[in-house]
Amino acid sequence: MSTERRPRILIAKPGLDGHDRGAKTVAYALREAGMEVIYTGLHQTPEQIVQAALQEDVDIVGLSIMSGAHLPLTEKVVSGLRRAGLSDVAVVVGGVIPERDRDGLLAVGAAAVFPTGTRFEDIAAFAQGGSSAGYTAITDSVRASVPESALGREVVLESGLSVKPVYGPADVADLDYARDIGEPGQFPFTRGIHPLMYRARPCTMRQYAGFGTPHETNERFKFLIANGQNALN
């Protein structure tokens, strides 16, 4: 991986997954951490992903797979990158991946596996440091591999809050569990507003049904659809 530029990451959705909310969330988080991210959109073939990696000159290809076809799809992407002379491009896999398959993904050439629930800072730490820690927990050795220039750089979100690229035990040493974290579904709601969150309540993205006058609402919906929104609730 080049040390003279920010990491360039291609986030790709191979297979027949019906939505890409998770992939877009990861892409946004990595951009907020200061990386260059290219997103392919849904239903990409391994051949299209390899071609995009070649055209965009990326350091990492991140495959977001929810369909259960992670092993054959990953193997095809890895072998395609090698044939294209891109054997130095790291392939990482994220999504709903059973633990029994994770060693298999590493065996076919994945540099790391990030199953559902992986912290964004762990993914960012891998991308910044280029570690091949696999799907094991990100440790202090991975944190140490992140360039000091990245660790010391302040990243300010759209909310105005600043965040670090990587957090560790020292950052939470002074937290009081009951006061600062609390149980799921209880104040201060840092772990969600419902006890089981989306394990029991399906995740939805909604917009208010009205926007000013009926005419303005109509204009707003047309604007959103023209800019790529595909569902209005």
Protein backbone atom coordinates (compact mmCIF):
# COMPACT_ATOMS: atom_id res chain seq x y z
CA MET A 1 0.00 0.00 0.00
CA SER A 2 1.33 3.40 -0.92
CA THR A 3 2.44 5.58 2.00
CA GLU A 4 2.47 8.76 -0.11
CA ARG A 5 -1.30 9.21 -0.35
CA ARG A 6 -4.45 8.54 1.56
CA PRO A 7 -5.68 4.95 1.24
CA ARG A 8 -7.95 4.49 -1.80
CA ILE A 9 -10.69 1.97 -1.12
CA LEU A 10 -13.19 0.42 -3.51
CA ILE A 11 -16.39 -0.66 -1.76
CA ALA A 12 -18.15 -3.21 -3.96
CA LYS A 13 -21.49 -5.04 -3.73
CA PRO A 14 -21.18 -8.36 -5.59
CA GLY A 15 -24.00 -10.86 -5.93
CA LEU A 16 -27.74 -10.35 -5.69
CA ASP A 17 -28.12 -8.37 -2.46
CA GLY A 18 -31.25 -6.23 -2.54
CA HIS A 19 -29.97 -3.19 -0.61
CA ASP A 20 -26.72 -1.43 0.16
CA ARG A 21 -27.39 0.56 3.33
CA GLY A 22 -24.55 -1.15 5.19
CA ALA A 23 -22.04 -0.64 2.38
CA LYS A 24 -22.92 3.05 2.12
CA THR A 25 -22.60 3.48 5.89
CA VAL A 26 -19.11 1.93 5.86
CA ALA A 27 -18.12 4.05 2.86
CA TYR A 28 -19.28 7.22 4.64
CA ALA A 29 -17.42 6.28 7.84
CA LEU A 30 -14.18 5.66 5.95
CA ARG A 31 -14.50 8.97 4.13
CA GLU A 32 -15.00 10.71 7.47
CA ALA A 33 -11.77 9.02 8.62
CA GLY A 34 -9.93 10.76 5.79
CA MET A 35 -9.76 8.06 3.12
CA GLU A 36 -10.67 8.13 -0.55
CA VAL A 37 -13.62 5.81 -1.17
CA ILE A 38 -15.15 4.68 -4.45
CA TYR A 39 -18.49 2.88 -4.31
CA THR A 40 -19.67 0.59 -7.13
CA GLY A 41 -23.37 0.23 -6.45
CA LEU A 42 -25.40 -2.99 -6.38
CA HIS A 43 -25.11 -6.23 -8.37
CA GLN A 44 -21.48 -6.03 -9.45
CA THR A 45 -19.82 -9.05 -11.06
CA PRO A 46 -16.28 -10.05 -10.02
CA GLU A 47 -15.09 -8.95 -13.46
CA GLN A 48 -16.64 -5.49 -13.03
CA ILE A 49 -15.06 -5.14 -9.59
CA VAL A 50 -11.60 -6.05 -10.90
CA GLN A 51 -11.99 -3.57 -13.75
CA ALA A 52 -13.04 -0.81 -11.34
CA ALA A 53 -10.07 -1.57 -9.07
CA LEU A 54 -7.76 -1.28 -12.07
CA GLN A 55 -9.28 1.98 -13.32
CA GLU A 56 -9.40 3.63 -9.90
CA ASP A 57 -5.90 2.51 -8.82
CA VAL A 58 -7.09 1.39 -5.38
CA ASP A 59 -5.17 -0.06 -2.44
CA ILE A 60 -8.04 -2.06 -0.96
CA VAL A 61 -11.15 -3.74 -2.36
CA GLY A 62 -13.87 -4.13 0.26
CA LEU A 63 -16.56 -6.67 -0.63
CA SER A 64 -19.89 -6.14 1.13
CA ILE A 65 -21.70 -9.46 0.87
CA MET A 66 -25.00 -10.41 2.54
CA SER A 67 -26.19 -13.11 0.13
CA GLY A 68 -24.18 -16.03 1.53
CA ALA A 69 -22.05 -16.38 -1.62
CA HIS A 70 -19.01 -14.81 0.03
CA LEU A 71 -16.59 -17.69 -0.58
CA PRO A 72 -16.96 -18.12 -4.37
CA LEU A 73 -17.35 -14.38 -4.99
CA THR A 74 -14.25 -13.52 -2.95
CA GLU A 75 -12.21 -16.21 -4.66
CA LYS A 76 -13.21 -14.90 -8.10
CA VAL A 77 -12.33 -11.31 -7.19
CA VAL A 78 -8.95 -12.30 -5.70
CA SER A 79 -8.02 -14.46 -8.68
CA GLY A 80 -9.19 -11.76 -11.08
CA LEU A 81 -7.03 -9.14 -9.37
CA ARG A 82 -4.00 -11.43 -9.62
CA ARG A 83 -4.58 -12.01 -13.32
CA ALA A 84 -4.83 -8.25 -13.80
CA GLY A 85 -1.48 -7.73 -12.08
CA LEU A 86 -3.06 -6.29 -8.92
CA SER A 87 -1.83 -8.88 -6.44
CA ASP A 88 -0.77 -6.06 -4.07
CA VAL A 89 -4.38 -4.89 -3.70
CA ALA A 90 -5.79 -6.16 -0.40
CA VAL A 91 -9.26 -7.74 -0.47
CA VAL A 92 -11.39 -7.53 2.68
CA VAL A 93 -14.85 -8.96 3.18
CA GLY A 94 -17.71 -7.68 5.33
CA GLY A 95 -21.29 -8.72 5.94
CA VAL A 96 -23.26 -11.58 7.48
CA ILE A 97 -20.48 -14.17 7.44
CA PRO A 98 -20.71 -17.33 9.59
CA GLU A 99 -17.66 -17.92 11.75
CA ARG A 100 -17.15 -21.32 10.10
CA ASP A 101 -16.47 -19.59 6.76
CA ARG A 102 -13.98 -16.98 7.92
CA ASP A 103 -10.91 -19.22 7.73
CA GLY A 104 -12.04 -20.21 4.25
CA LEU A 105 -12.14 -16.57 3.15
CA LEU A 106 -8.62 -16.01 4.42
CA ALA A 107 -7.53 -19.19 2.63
CA VAL A 108 -8.78 -17.95 -0.77
CA GLY A 109 -6.89 -14.67 -0.38
CA ALA A 110 -8.92 -12.26 1.77
CA ALA A 111 -6.64 -10.08 3.88
CA ALA A 112 -9.28 -9.58 6.59
CA VAL A 113 -12.88 -10.41 7.40
CA PHE A 114 -15.14 -7.90 9.14
CA PRO A 115 -18.42 -9.60 10.13
CA THR A 116 -21.56 -7.69 11.04
CA GLY A 117 -20.99 -5.76 14.26
CA THR A 118 -17.37 -4.84 13.56
CA ARG A 119 -16.54 -1.36 14.83
CA PHE A 120 -15.89 1.29 12.19
CA GLU A 121 -12.67 2.29 13.95
CA ASP A 122 -11.36 -1.27 13.55
CA ILE A 123 -12.00 -1.16 9.81
CA ALA A 124 -10.38 2.28 9.59
CA ALA A 125 -7.37 1.06 11.58
CA PHE A 126 -6.87 -1.81 9.15
CA ALA A 127 -7.15 0.47 6.14
CA GLN A 128 -4.72 3.03 7.55
CA GLY A 129 -2.14 0.52 8.72
CA GLY A 130 -2.47 -2.21 6.13
CA SER A 131 -2.40 -4.90 8.81
CA SER A 132 -3.42 -8.43 7.88
CA ALA A 133 -4.83 -9.32 11.27
CA GLY A 134 -7.66 -11.25 9.64
CA TYR A 135 -10.93 -11.45 11.46
CA THR A 136 -9.33 -11.56 14.90
CA ALA A 137 -9.88 -8.62 17.23
CA ILE A 138 -7.97 -5.46 16.33
CA THR A 139 -5.22 -5.16 18.93
CA ASP A 140 -2.75 -2.54 20.10
CA SER A 141 -0.31 -3.81 17.46
CA VAL A 142 -2.75 -2.75 14.76
CA ARG A 143 -3.30 0.57 16.48
CA ALA A 144 0.49 1.02 16.54
CA SER A 145 0.62 0.46 12.77
CA VAL A 146 -1.54 3.53 12.10
CA PRO A 147 0.69 6.47 11.06
CA GLU A 148 1.18 9.07 13.79
CA SER A 149 0.10 11.75 11.34
CA ALA A 150 -3.30 10.03 11.03
CA LEU A 151 -3.68 9.44 14.75
CA GLY A 152 -3.02 13.08 15.51
CA ARG A 153 -5.26 14.52 12.79
CA GLU A 154 -8.62 15.87 13.91
CA VAL A 155 -11.61 14.78 11.84
CA VAL A 156 -14.69 16.99 12.19
CA LEU A 157 -18.05 15.45 11.26
CA GLU A 158 -20.99 17.30 9.72
CA SER A 159 -22.41 17.51 13.25
CA GLY A 160 -19.43 19.64 14.26
CA LEU A 161 -18.10 16.93 16.58
CA SER A 162 -14.47 15.89 16.22
CA VAL A 163 -13.50 12.22 16.25
CA LYS A 164 -10.25 10.28 16.33
CA PRO A 165 -9.41 7.75 13.61
CA VAL A 166 -8.88 5.09 16.30
CA TYR A 167 -10.09 4.75 19.89
CA GLY A 168 -8.70 2.47 22.60
CA PRO A 169 -9.15 1.58 26.30
CA ALA A 170 -7.61 4.86 27.44
CA ASP A 171 -10.40 6.79 25.75
CA VAL A 172 -13.07 5.16 27.92
CA ALA A 173 -11.09 4.80 31.16
CA ASP A 174 -13.02 7.61 32.88
CA LEU A 175 -16.51 6.55 31.76
CA ASP A 176 -19.09 5.57 34.32
CA TYR A 177 -21.16 2.67 32.96
CA ALA A 178 -24.52 3.68 34.45
CA ARG A 179 -24.08 7.40 33.81
CA ASP A 180 -22.38 7.43 30.40
CA ILE A 181 -23.44 4.19 28.73
CA GLY A 182 -26.43 2.55 30.41
CA GLU A 183 -28.42 -0.51 29.41
CA PRO A 184 -29.93 -0.85 25.91
CA GLY A 185 -33.22 1.01 25.73
CA GLN A 186 -32.48 3.11 28.81
CA PHE A 187 -31.10 6.60 29.42
CA PRO A 188 -28.74 7.97 28.08
CA PHE A 189 -29.66 5.72 25.11
CA THR A 190 -26.08 5.34 23.82
CA ARG A 191 -26.93 1.70 23.03
CA GLY A 192 -30.20 2.43 21.26
CA ILE A 193 -33.73 3.46 22.20
CA HIS A 194 -35.10 -0.12 22.29
CA PRO A 195 -33.73 -3.02 24.38
CA LEU A 196 -33.13 -5.28 21.37
CA MET A 197 -32.98 -2.58 18.68
CA TYR A 198 -32.97 -4.00 15.14
CA ARG A 199 -32.75 -7.61 16.25
CA ALA A 200 -36.42 -7.19 17.13
CA ARG A 201 -37.43 -4.09 15.15
CA PRO A 202 -36.70 -3.97 11.38
CA CYS A 203 -34.48 -1.12 10.29
CA THR A 204 -36.38 1.50 8.28
CA MET A 205 -35.46 4.88 6.82
CA ARG A 206 -38.41 7.25 6.75
CA GLN A 207 -39.21 10.77 5.63
CA TYR A 208 -42.03 12.99 6.79
CA ALA A 209 -45.11 12.61 4.58
CA GLY A 210 -45.45 16.37 4.21
CA PHE A 211 -43.07 19.15 3.20
CA GLY A 212 -44.65 22.58 3.33
CA THR A 213 -47.54 22.82 0.86
CA PRO A 214 -48.73 19.89 -1.29
CA HIS A 215 -47.01 21.55 -4.26
CA GLU A 216 -43.72 21.79 -2.34
CA THR A 217 -44.07 18.18 -1.20
CA ASN A 218 -44.49 17.07 -4.80
CA GLU A 219 -41.43 19.05 -5.86
CA ARG A 220 -39.39 17.61 -2.98
CA PHE A 221 -40.26 14.00 -3.82
CA LYS A 222 -39.40 14.54 -7.48
CA PHE A 223 -36.08 16.08 -6.46
CA LEU A 224 -35.20 13.11 -4.23
CA ILE A 225 -36.12 10.56 -6.91
CA ALA A 226 -34.10 12.47 -9.52
CA ASN A 227 -31.09 12.30 -7.21
CA GLY A 228 -31.25 8.56 -6.65
CA GLN A 229 -33.67 7.90 -3.79
CA ASN A 230 -35.59 4.75 -4.56
CA ALA A 231 -38.10 4.56 -1.69
CA LEU A 232 -40.38 7.13 -0.10
CA ASN A 233 -42.22 6.08 3.06
